[in-house]
Amino acid sequence: MTDEQIIEEFERENISLATIKSRAFAYTVDEILITILFMIIFFGKIPQDASYEQTLNLLNSLFSYVILLKIIYQAFFVWYYGATPGKMMAKIRVISTIDLENPKIIYAINRAIVRIISETFFYIGFLWALTNPKKETWHDKIARTLVVNAY
C-alpha cells in the first residue's frame, strides 16, 4: 500500500498510530520480561562461588543466547498475536502495511533482527521514529509494519 492508501484505510477503519510514549512503555516491559526469562533459563549455569569476574565472563559468553532469545520472543509474539506482552499491556499492536493484519512470519523475523541491529547502534533506528510522520522505526520500515493503538 502507498502512504496515501494507508492513511485512507486508517481513517476508514478508525486506526490511529501508537504514541512514542506507549511504545517506550512496551519496550521497557518487554526488556524486563526478556531479562526475567533469561535469568530463569540460565540461572543454574552461574556457580554460587563464582567471582564477579567469572560471572561477568560467563554472562558475556551467553550474549549470543540473549540475542537469539530476543529475536524469538519478538518474532513469535508479533507474528502470532500482533503484539508482544509489553505491547499488549500498552494496548498497541503491530500491523503489516501490506494488508493491515499481523505481519507474516518472515516479516516478523526480519523486524526482530533489524530491531537488534538498531539497539546495537545506539538505538538510532528507534530515534528515527521521532522524526518520521508515521513513527516508523528502522525495523518497522524494513518489515513493512506500523505500530497502532489496539483499541
Protein backbone atom coordinates (compact mmCIF):
# COMPACT_ATOMS: atom_id res chain seq x y z
CA MET A 1 0.00 0.00 0.00
CA THR A 2 1.11 3.53 -0.66
CA ASP A 3 1.20 6.10 2.15
CA GLU A 4 -1.98 7.69 0.81
CA GLN A 5 -3.78 4.34 0.73
CA ILE A 6 -2.63 3.57 4.28
CA ILE A 7 -3.89 6.94 5.55
CA GLU A 8 -7.21 6.45 3.77
CA GLU A 9 -7.57 2.92 5.18
CA PHE A 10 -6.67 4.13 8.69
CA GLU A 11 -9.35 6.80 8.51
CA ARG A 12 -11.93 4.33 7.21
CA GLU A 13 -11.07 1.71 9.86
CA ASN A 14 -10.61 4.30 12.65
CA ILE A 15 -7.00 3.21 13.26
CA SER A 16 -4.51 5.54 14.95
CA LEU A 17 -0.75 5.30 15.32
CA ALA A 18 0.66 4.41 18.72
CA THR A 19 2.42 7.18 20.60
CA ILE A 20 6.15 7.13 21.24
CA LYS A 21 5.35 7.08 24.97
CA SER A 22 3.27 3.88 24.69
CA ARG A 23 5.93 2.27 22.52
CA ALA A 24 8.62 3.16 25.08
CA PHE A 25 6.49 1.67 27.85
CA ALA A 26 6.01 -1.54 25.85
CA TYR A 27 9.74 -1.71 25.12
CA THR A 28 10.57 -1.40 28.82
CA VAL A 29 8.09 -4.11 29.83
CA ASP A 30 9.40 -6.46 27.14
CA GLU A 31 13.02 -5.91 28.16
CA ILE A 32 12.16 -6.70 31.78
CA LEU A 33 10.30 -9.86 30.73
CA ILE A 34 13.18 -10.99 28.50
CA THR A 35 15.62 -10.39 31.36
CA ILE A 36 13.49 -12.45 33.76
CA LEU A 37 13.14 -15.20 31.15
CA PHE A 38 16.90 -15.19 30.58
CA MET A 39 17.55 -15.41 34.32
CA ILE A 40 15.14 -18.35 34.68
CA ILE A 41 16.74 -20.23 31.78
CA PHE A 42 20.40 -19.60 32.69
CA PHE A 43 20.33 -19.13 36.48
CA GLY A 44 21.64 -22.66 37.13
CA LYS A 45 24.66 -22.08 34.88
CA ILE A 46 26.20 -19.50 37.22
CA PRO A 47 28.17 -21.20 40.00
CA GLN A 48 27.36 -19.95 43.51
CA ASP A 49 31.03 -19.47 44.38
CA ALA A 50 31.96 -17.64 41.17
CA SER A 51 33.82 -14.37 41.48
CA TYR A 52 32.48 -11.18 39.96
CA GLU A 53 34.90 -11.51 37.04
CA GLN A 54 33.96 -15.15 36.41
CA THR A 55 30.27 -14.28 36.50
CA LEU A 56 30.83 -11.40 34.08
CA ASN A 57 32.80 -13.63 31.70
CA LEU A 58 30.08 -16.27 31.82
CA LEU A 59 27.37 -13.71 31.10
CA ASN A 60 29.42 -12.34 28.19
CA SER A 61 29.69 -15.86 26.77
CA LEU A 62 25.89 -16.11 26.89
CA PHE A 63 25.40 -12.89 24.89
CA SER A 64 24.51 -14.69 21.66
CA TYR A 65 21.79 -16.58 23.56
CA VAL A 66 20.31 -13.29 24.72
CA ILE A 67 20.21 -12.06 21.13
CA LEU A 68 18.57 -15.30 19.96
CA LEU A 69 16.05 -15.17 22.82
CA LYS A 70 15.12 -11.58 21.92
CA ILE A 71 14.67 -12.44 18.24
CA ILE A 72 12.49 -15.47 19.03
CA TYR A 73 10.45 -13.50 21.60
CA GLN A 74 9.83 -10.53 19.30
CA ALA A 75 9.22 -12.54 16.13
CA PHE A 76 6.87 -15.07 17.69
CA PHE A 77 4.66 -12.62 19.55
CA VAL A 78 4.48 -10.11 16.68
CA TRP A 79 3.69 -12.85 14.17
CA TYR A 80 1.24 -14.85 16.29
CA TYR A 81 -0.53 -12.16 18.33
CA GLY A 82 0.42 -8.96 16.54
CA ALA A 83 1.87 -7.73 19.83
CA THR A 84 4.42 -8.66 22.46
CA PRO A 85 3.28 -8.84 26.10
CA GLY A 86 4.60 -5.29 26.59
CA LYS A 87 2.62 -4.04 23.61
CA MET A 88 -0.46 -5.85 24.91
CA MET A 89 -0.09 -4.06 28.24
CA ALA A 90 0.29 -0.74 26.41
CA LYS A 91 -2.74 -1.61 24.24
CA ILE A 92 -0.81 -1.27 21.00
CA ARG A 93 -0.09 -3.73 18.23
CA VAL A 94 1.99 -4.24 15.09
CA ILE A 95 0.25 -4.43 11.73
CA SER A 96 1.52 -5.07 8.25
CA THR A 97 1.19 -2.16 5.83
CA ILE A 98 0.52 -4.74 3.12
CA ASP A 99 -2.82 -5.98 4.47
CA LEU A 100 -3.28 -4.33 7.91
CA GLU A 101 -3.10 -7.77 9.58
CA ASN A 102 -0.45 -9.37 11.81
CA PRO A 103 2.85 -9.48 9.94
CA LYS A 104 3.77 -12.73 8.18
CA ILE A 105 6.46 -14.77 9.96
CA ILE A 106 9.27 -13.73 7.59
CA TYR A 107 8.47 -10.05 8.17
CA ALA A 108 8.27 -10.60 11.92
CA ILE A 109 11.70 -12.29 11.90
CA ASN A 110 13.20 -9.51 9.76
CA ARG A 111 11.67 -6.94 12.09
CA ALA A 112 13.15 -8.65 15.15
CA ILE A 113 16.63 -8.90 13.59
CA VAL A 114 16.70 -5.27 12.44
CA ARG A 115 15.44 -4.26 15.90
CA ILE A 116 18.52 -5.90 17.45
CA ILE A 117 20.80 -4.16 14.93
CA SER A 118 19.16 -0.84 15.77
CA GLU A 119 19.69 -1.43 19.51
CA THR A 120 23.34 -2.23 18.84
CA PHE A 121 23.93 1.07 17.07
CA PHE A 122 22.87 3.35 19.91
CA TYR A 123 19.14 2.99 19.22
CA ILE A 124 19.42 5.18 16.13
CA GLY A 125 16.70 3.19 14.40
CA PHE A 126 14.38 3.87 17.33
CA LEU A 127 15.23 7.58 17.35
CA TRP A 128 14.34 7.65 13.66
CA ALA A 129 10.69 7.30 14.73
CA LEU A 130 10.85 10.72 16.41
CA THR A 131 11.37 12.41 13.03
CA ASN A 132 9.11 10.18 10.96
CA PRO A 133 5.44 11.21 10.50
CA LYS A 134 4.30 7.56 10.67
CA LYS A 135 6.52 6.99 13.74
CA GLU A 136 8.30 4.19 11.90
CA THR A 137 11.49 2.78 13.32
CA TRP A 138 14.04 1.13 11.06
CA HIS A 139 12.64 -2.27 11.94
CA ASP A 140 9.13 -1.08 11.03
CA LYS A 141 10.33 0.28 7.70
CA ILE A 142 12.22 -2.92 6.77
CA ALA A 143 9.35 -5.20 7.83
CA ARG A 144 6.65 -3.01 6.30
CA THR A 145 4.87 -2.61 9.61
CA LEU A 146 3.34 0.13 11.72
CA VAL A 147 2.54 0.19 15.43
CA VAL A 148 -1.03 1.25 16.09
CA ASN A 149 -3.42 1.57 19.01
CA ALA A 150 -5.16 -1.73 19.56
CA TYR A 151 -8.38 -0.26 20.93
